[in-house]
Amino acid sequence: MIAVQLGMGYGLFTNAFNKAFIPALYESLRLKDLTANIQIVRITWIYFLVILTIAGFIALFSHWIVLVSAGKNYLEASVALVWIALGQACGGMYFMVTNCLFSRGTPFP
């Protein structure tokens, strides 16, 4: 449960970005402009890179994160934290793509 709680903190980041980005995304998709669609795809790929990098850092430092957060008695949770962080990153990528797919238009070919 320690790993789940820590991983949910990362999930809050991906969900917050998603909710903040949706209005601008829908406005850009409403324009049906090729330049705007290319920009959306670029932002999407940059976002993927950023959240996967953050998940990588969480995985790299999971031992230390658990040690500082919960103490040495819970170090076994660091293994689960790696997978939970990766899952949260995949969830963030899912939200980014489905926002485009469930809107009226999609920038993806």
N, C-alpha and C. Protein backbone atom coordinates (compact mmCIF):
# COMPACT_ATOMS: atom_id res chain seq x y z
N MET A 1 0.83 -1.21 0.00
CA MET A 1 0.00 0.00 0.00
C MET A 1 0.86 1.26 0.00
N ILE A 2 2.06 1.16 0.54
CA ILE A 2 2.96 2.32 0.49
C ILE A 2 3.27 2.66 -0.97
N ALA A 3 3.58 1.66 -1.77
CA ALA A 3 3.89 1.89 -3.18
C ALA A 3 2.68 2.46 -3.92
N VAL A 4 1.50 1.97 -3.60
CA VAL A 4 0.29 2.47 -4.25
C VAL A 4 0.07 3.94 -3.90
N GLN A 5 0.24 4.30 -2.66
CA GLN A 5 0.05 5.69 -2.25
C GLN A 5 1.07 6.61 -2.92
N LEU A 6 2.32 6.18 -2.99
CA LEU A 6 3.34 6.99 -3.64
C LEU A 6 3.08 7.08 -5.15
N GLY A 7 2.67 5.98 -5.75
CA GLY A 7 2.36 5.98 -7.17
C GLY A 7 1.17 6.84 -7.52
N MET A 8 0.22 6.92 -6.60
CA MET A 8 -0.94 7.77 -6.85
C MET A 8 -0.56 9.25 -6.88
N GLY A 9 0.50 9.61 -6.17
CA GLY A 9 0.99 10.98 -6.27
C GLY A 9 1.43 11.31 -7.68
N TYR A 10 2.07 10.36 -8.35
CA TYR A 10 2.47 10.55 -9.74
C TYR A 10 1.23 10.57 -10.64
N GLY A 11 0.25 9.76 -10.32
CA GLY A 11 -1.00 9.77 -11.07
C GLY A 11 -1.73 11.10 -10.96
N LEU A 12 -1.62 11.75 -9.82
CA LEU A 12 -2.21 13.09 -9.68
C LEU A 12 -1.59 14.07 -10.67
N PHE A 13 -0.28 13.95 -10.88
CA PHE A 13 0.41 14.82 -11.84
C PHE A 13 -0.12 14.59 -13.26
N THR A 14 -0.22 13.33 -13.68
CA THR A 14 -0.67 13.07 -15.04
C THR A 14 -2.13 13.46 -15.24
N ASN A 15 -2.97 13.22 -14.23
CA ASN A 15 -4.37 13.62 -14.34
C ASN A 15 -4.54 15.13 -14.34
N ALA A 16 -3.75 15.83 -13.53
CA ALA A 16 -3.84 17.29 -13.50
C ALA A 16 -3.42 17.89 -14.83
N PHE A 17 -2.34 17.37 -15.41
CA PHE A 17 -1.92 17.88 -16.72
C PHE A 17 -3.00 17.62 -17.76
N ASN A 18 -3.59 16.45 -17.73
CA ASN A 18 -4.63 16.10 -18.68
C ASN A 18 -5.81 17.08 -18.58
N LYS A 19 -6.26 17.34 -17.37
CA LYS A 19 -7.41 18.23 -17.20
C LYS A 19 -7.10 19.68 -17.54
N ALA A 20 -5.85 20.07 -17.35
CA ALA A 20 -5.46 21.44 -17.71
C ALA A 20 -5.27 21.59 -19.22
N PHE A 21 -4.90 20.53 -19.89
CA PHE A 21 -4.60 20.58 -21.32
C PHE A 21 -5.84 20.42 -22.20
N ILE A 22 -6.89 19.79 -21.70
CA ILE A 22 -8.07 19.48 -22.51
C ILE A 22 -8.70 20.72 -23.16
N PRO A 23 -8.93 21.84 -22.45
CA PRO A 23 -9.56 22.98 -23.12
C PRO A 23 -8.75 23.50 -24.32
N ALA A 24 -7.45 23.62 -24.16
CA ALA A 24 -6.62 24.08 -25.27
C ALA A 24 -6.60 23.06 -26.41
N LEU A 25 -6.60 21.80 -26.06
CA LEU A 25 -6.60 20.75 -27.08
C LEU A 25 -7.89 20.80 -27.89
N TYR A 26 -9.02 20.86 -27.23
CA TYR A 26 -10.29 20.88 -27.95
C TYR A 26 -10.44 22.14 -28.79
N GLU A 27 -9.93 23.25 -28.30
CA GLU A 27 -9.97 24.48 -29.10
C GLU A 27 -9.12 24.32 -30.37
N SER A 28 -7.96 23.73 -30.24
CA SER A 28 -7.11 23.52 -31.41
C SER A 28 -7.73 22.53 -32.38
N LEU A 29 -8.33 21.47 -31.87
CA LEU A 29 -8.97 20.49 -32.74
C LEU A 29 -10.20 21.06 -33.44
N ARG A 30 -10.87 21.99 -32.79
CA ARG A 30 -12.05 22.61 -33.37
C ARG A 30 -11.70 23.40 -34.63
N LEU A 31 -10.49 23.95 -34.68
CA LEU A 31 -10.06 24.76 -35.81
C LEU A 31 -9.85 23.94 -37.09
N LYS A 32 -9.58 22.65 -36.94
CA LYS A 32 -9.31 21.76 -38.07
C LYS A 32 -8.22 22.32 -38.97
N ASP A 33 -7.16 22.80 -38.32
CA ASP A 33 -6.01 23.37 -39.03
C ASP A 33 -4.86 22.38 -39.00
N LEU A 34 -4.23 22.16 -40.15
CA LEU A 34 -3.14 21.19 -40.22
C LEU A 34 -1.97 21.59 -39.34
N THR A 35 -1.64 22.87 -39.31
CA THR A 35 -0.53 23.34 -38.47
C THR A 35 -0.82 23.10 -36.99
N ALA A 36 -2.04 23.37 -36.57
CA ALA A 36 -2.43 23.13 -35.18
C ALA A 36 -2.38 21.64 -34.86
N ASN A 37 -2.80 20.80 -35.80
CA ASN A 37 -2.76 19.36 -35.57
C ASN A 37 -1.34 18.84 -35.45
N ILE A 38 -0.45 19.37 -36.26
CA ILE A 38 0.96 18.98 -36.17
C ILE A 38 1.52 19.40 -34.81
N GLN A 39 1.16 20.57 -34.34
CA GLN A 39 1.61 21.05 -33.03
C GLN A 39 1.08 20.14 -31.92
N ILE A 40 -0.16 19.70 -32.03
CA ILE A 40 -0.73 18.80 -31.03
C ILE A 40 0.05 17.48 -30.99
N VAL A 41 0.38 16.95 -32.15
CA VAL A 41 1.14 15.70 -32.20
C VAL A 41 2.52 15.90 -31.58
N ARG A 42 3.17 17.02 -31.85
CA ARG A 42 4.47 17.30 -31.24
C ARG A 42 4.37 17.39 -29.73
N ILE A 43 3.38 18.12 -29.25
CA ILE A 43 3.18 18.25 -27.80
C ILE A 43 2.92 16.88 -27.18
N THR A 44 2.14 16.06 -27.87
CA THR A 44 1.84 14.72 -27.37
C THR A 44 3.12 13.89 -27.22
N TRP A 45 3.98 13.91 -28.23
CA TRP A 45 5.23 13.14 -28.16
C TRP A 45 6.16 13.69 -27.09
N ILE A 46 6.22 14.99 -26.93
CA ILE A 46 7.04 15.58 -25.88
C ILE A 46 6.50 15.18 -24.51
N TYR A 47 5.18 15.21 -24.36
CA TYR A 47 4.56 14.80 -23.11
C TYR A 47 4.87 13.34 -22.80
N PHE A 48 4.79 12.47 -23.82
CA PHE A 48 5.14 11.06 -23.62
C PHE A 48 6.57 10.93 -23.11
N LEU A 49 7.48 11.65 -23.71
CA LEU A 49 8.88 11.60 -23.31
C LEU A 49 9.05 12.08 -21.87
N VAL A 50 8.37 13.16 -21.52
CA VAL A 50 8.50 13.72 -20.17
C VAL A 50 7.97 12.76 -19.11
N ILE A 51 6.76 12.22 -19.32
CA ILE A 51 6.21 11.36 -18.27
C ILE A 51 6.94 10.02 -18.18
N LEU A 52 7.46 9.53 -19.30
CA LEU A 52 8.27 8.31 -19.22
C LEU A 52 9.61 8.58 -18.55
N THR A 53 10.16 9.76 -18.75
CA THR A 53 11.40 10.13 -18.06
C THR A 53 11.17 10.24 -16.56
N ILE A 54 10.07 10.86 -16.18
CA ILE A 54 9.74 10.96 -14.75
C ILE A 54 9.54 9.57 -14.15
N ALA A 55 8.84 8.70 -14.87
CA ALA A 55 8.65 7.33 -14.39
C ALA A 55 10.00 6.61 -14.27
N GLY A 56 10.90 6.90 -15.19
CA GLY A 56 12.25 6.32 -15.10
C GLY A 56 13.00 6.79 -13.87
N PHE A 57 12.88 8.08 -13.57
CA PHE A 57 13.53 8.60 -12.37
C PHE A 57 12.91 8.00 -11.10
N ILE A 58 11.59 7.86 -11.11
CA ILE A 58 10.94 7.23 -9.96
C ILE A 58 11.44 5.79 -9.81
N ALA A 59 11.57 5.08 -10.92
CA ALA A 59 12.07 3.71 -10.87
C ALA A 59 13.52 3.68 -10.38
N LEU A 60 14.32 4.60 -10.86
CA LEU A 60 15.73 4.65 -10.48
C LEU A 60 15.91 4.95 -9.00
N PHE A 61 15.09 5.85 -8.48
CA PHE A 61 15.22 6.29 -7.09
C PHE A 61 14.14 5.70 -6.18
N SER A 62 13.44 4.65 -6.62
CA SER A 62 12.34 4.10 -5.83
C SER A 62 12.80 3.62 -4.45
N HIS A 63 13.96 3.05 -4.39
CA HIS A 63 14.50 2.58 -3.10
C HIS A 63 14.63 3.75 -2.12
N TRP A 64 15.20 4.83 -2.61
CA TRP A 64 15.40 6.02 -1.77
C TRP A 64 14.06 6.67 -1.42
N ILE A 65 13.14 6.74 -2.40
CA ILE A 65 11.83 7.37 -2.16
C ILE A 65 11.08 6.63 -1.05
N VAL A 66 11.07 5.32 -1.11
CA VAL A 66 10.39 4.53 -0.08
C VAL A 66 11.10 4.67 1.26
N LEU A 67 12.41 4.65 1.24
CA LEU A 67 13.18 4.78 2.48
C LEU A 67 12.87 6.10 3.18
N VAL A 68 12.85 7.19 2.42
CA VAL A 68 12.58 8.51 3.01
C VAL A 68 11.11 8.64 3.42
N SER A 69 10.21 8.10 2.61
CA SER A 69 8.77 8.26 2.87
C SER A 69 8.26 7.37 4.00
N ALA A 70 8.70 6.12 4.01
CA ALA A 70 8.09 5.16 4.92
C ALA A 70 9.07 4.49 5.88
N GLY A 71 10.34 4.55 5.58
CA GLY A 71 11.31 3.92 6.47
C GLY A 71 11.82 2.60 5.93
N LYS A 72 12.83 2.06 6.59
CA LYS A 72 13.50 0.85 6.09
C LYS A 72 12.66 -0.41 6.22
N ASN A 73 11.64 -0.38 7.04
CA ASN A 73 10.78 -1.56 7.18
C ASN A 73 9.93 -1.82 5.93
N TYR A 74 9.80 -0.84 5.07
CA TYR A 74 8.93 -0.95 3.90
C TYR A 74 9.70 -0.91 2.58
N LEU A 75 10.97 -1.22 2.59
CA LEU A 75 11.78 -1.14 1.38
C LEU A 75 11.33 -2.10 0.28
N GLU A 76 10.64 -3.16 0.64
CA GLU A 76 10.13 -4.09 -0.37
C GLU A 76 9.13 -3.41 -1.30
N ALA A 77 8.53 -2.35 -0.85
CA ALA A 77 7.56 -1.63 -1.67
C ALA A 77 8.22 -0.93 -2.85
N SER A 78 9.53 -0.76 -2.82
CA SER A 78 10.20 -0.07 -3.91
C SER A 78 10.10 -0.84 -5.22
N VAL A 79 10.01 -2.16 -5.15
CA VAL A 79 9.84 -2.97 -6.37
C VAL A 79 8.48 -2.69 -6.99
N ALA A 80 7.46 -2.65 -6.19
CA ALA A 80 6.11 -2.37 -6.69
C ALA A 80 6.00 -0.94 -7.19
N LEU A 81 6.70 -0.02 -6.57
CA LEU A 81 6.64 1.38 -6.98
C LEU A 81 7.12 1.56 -8.41
N VAL A 82 8.10 0.79 -8.82
CA VAL A 82 8.59 0.87 -10.20
C VAL A 82 7.47 0.56 -11.18
N TRP A 83 6.74 -0.51 -10.94
CA TRP A 83 5.67 -0.91 -11.84
C TRP A 83 4.47 0.03 -11.77
N ILE A 84 4.20 0.54 -10.59
CA ILE A 84 3.08 1.47 -10.45
C ILE A 84 3.38 2.78 -11.16
N ALA A 85 4.61 3.27 -11.06
CA ALA A 85 4.99 4.50 -11.76
C ALA A 85 4.89 4.30 -13.27
N LEU A 86 5.33 3.16 -13.77
CA LEU A 86 5.22 2.87 -15.19
C LEU A 86 3.75 2.79 -15.62
N GLY A 87 2.93 2.20 -14.78
CA GLY A 87 1.50 2.13 -15.07
C GLY A 87 0.84 3.49 -15.09
N GLN A 88 1.23 4.36 -14.17
CA GLN A 88 0.69 5.72 -14.16
C GLN A 88 1.12 6.48 -15.41
N ALA A 89 2.36 6.26 -15.86
CA ALA A 89 2.83 6.91 -17.09
C ALA A 89 2.03 6.42 -18.29
N CYS A 90 1.76 5.13 -18.34
CA CYS A 90 0.95 4.58 -19.43
C CYS A 90 -0.47 5.14 -19.38
N GLY A 91 -1.00 5.29 -18.18
CA GLY A 91 -2.33 5.90 -18.04
C GLY A 91 -2.34 7.34 -18.52
N GLY A 92 -1.29 8.09 -18.23
CA GLY A 92 -1.18 9.46 -18.73
C GLY A 92 -1.11 9.53 -20.24
N MET A 93 -0.40 8.59 -20.85
CA MET A 93 -0.32 8.53 -22.31
C MET A 93 -1.68 8.15 -22.90
N TYR A 94 -2.36 7.25 -22.24
CA TYR A 94 -3.70 6.85 -22.69
C TYR A 94 -4.65 8.05 -22.71
N PHE A 95 -4.65 8.83 -21.62
CA PHE A 95 -5.52 10.00 -21.56
C PHE A 95 -5.21 10.98 -22.68
N MET A 96 -3.94 11.19 -22.95
CA MET A 96 -3.56 12.16 -23.98
C MET A 96 -4.07 11.75 -25.36
N VAL A 97 -3.98 10.47 -25.67
CA VAL A 97 -4.43 10.00 -26.98
C VAL A 97 -5.95 9.94 -27.05
N THR A 98 -6.59 9.46 -26.01
CA THR A 98 -8.05 9.33 -26.07
C THR A 98 -8.75 10.68 -26.08
N ASN A 99 -8.12 11.71 -25.53
CA ASN A 99 -8.72 13.04 -25.65
C ASN A 99 -8.88 13.42 -27.11
N CYS A 100 -7.88 13.10 -27.90
CA CYS A 100 -7.97 13.39 -29.34
C CYS A 100 -8.96 12.48 -30.04
N LEU A 101 -8.98 11.22 -29.68
CA LEU A 101 -9.84 10.26 -30.36
C LEU A 101 -11.31 10.46 -30.04
N PHE A 102 -11.62 10.87 -28.82
CA PHE A 102 -13.01 11.03 -28.43
C PHE A 102 -13.56 12.42 -28.74
N SER A 103 -12.70 13.32 -29.21
CA SER A 103 -13.18 14.63 -29.62
C SER A 103 -13.76 14.51 -31.03
N ARG A 104 -14.20 15.60 -31.57
CA ARG A 104 -14.82 15.58 -32.90
C ARG A 104 -13.81 15.36 -34.03
N GLY A 105 -12.56 15.68 -33.79
CA GLY A 105 -11.54 15.51 -34.82
C GLY A 105 -10.29 14.96 -34.20
N THR A 106 -9.43 14.42 -35.01
CA THR A 106 -8.19 13.87 -34.49
C THR A 106 -7.01 14.33 -35.33
N PRO A 107 -5.90 14.71 -34.70
CA PRO A 107 -4.73 15.11 -35.47
C PRO A 107 -3.92 13.93 -35.96
N PHE A 108 -4.24 12.74 -35.49
CA PHE A 108 -3.46 11.57 -35.85
C PHE A 108 -3.94 11.04 -37.19
N PRO A 109 -3.02 10.65 -38.07
CA PRO A 109 -3.43 10.15 -39.38
C PRO A 109 -4.12 8.81 -39.31
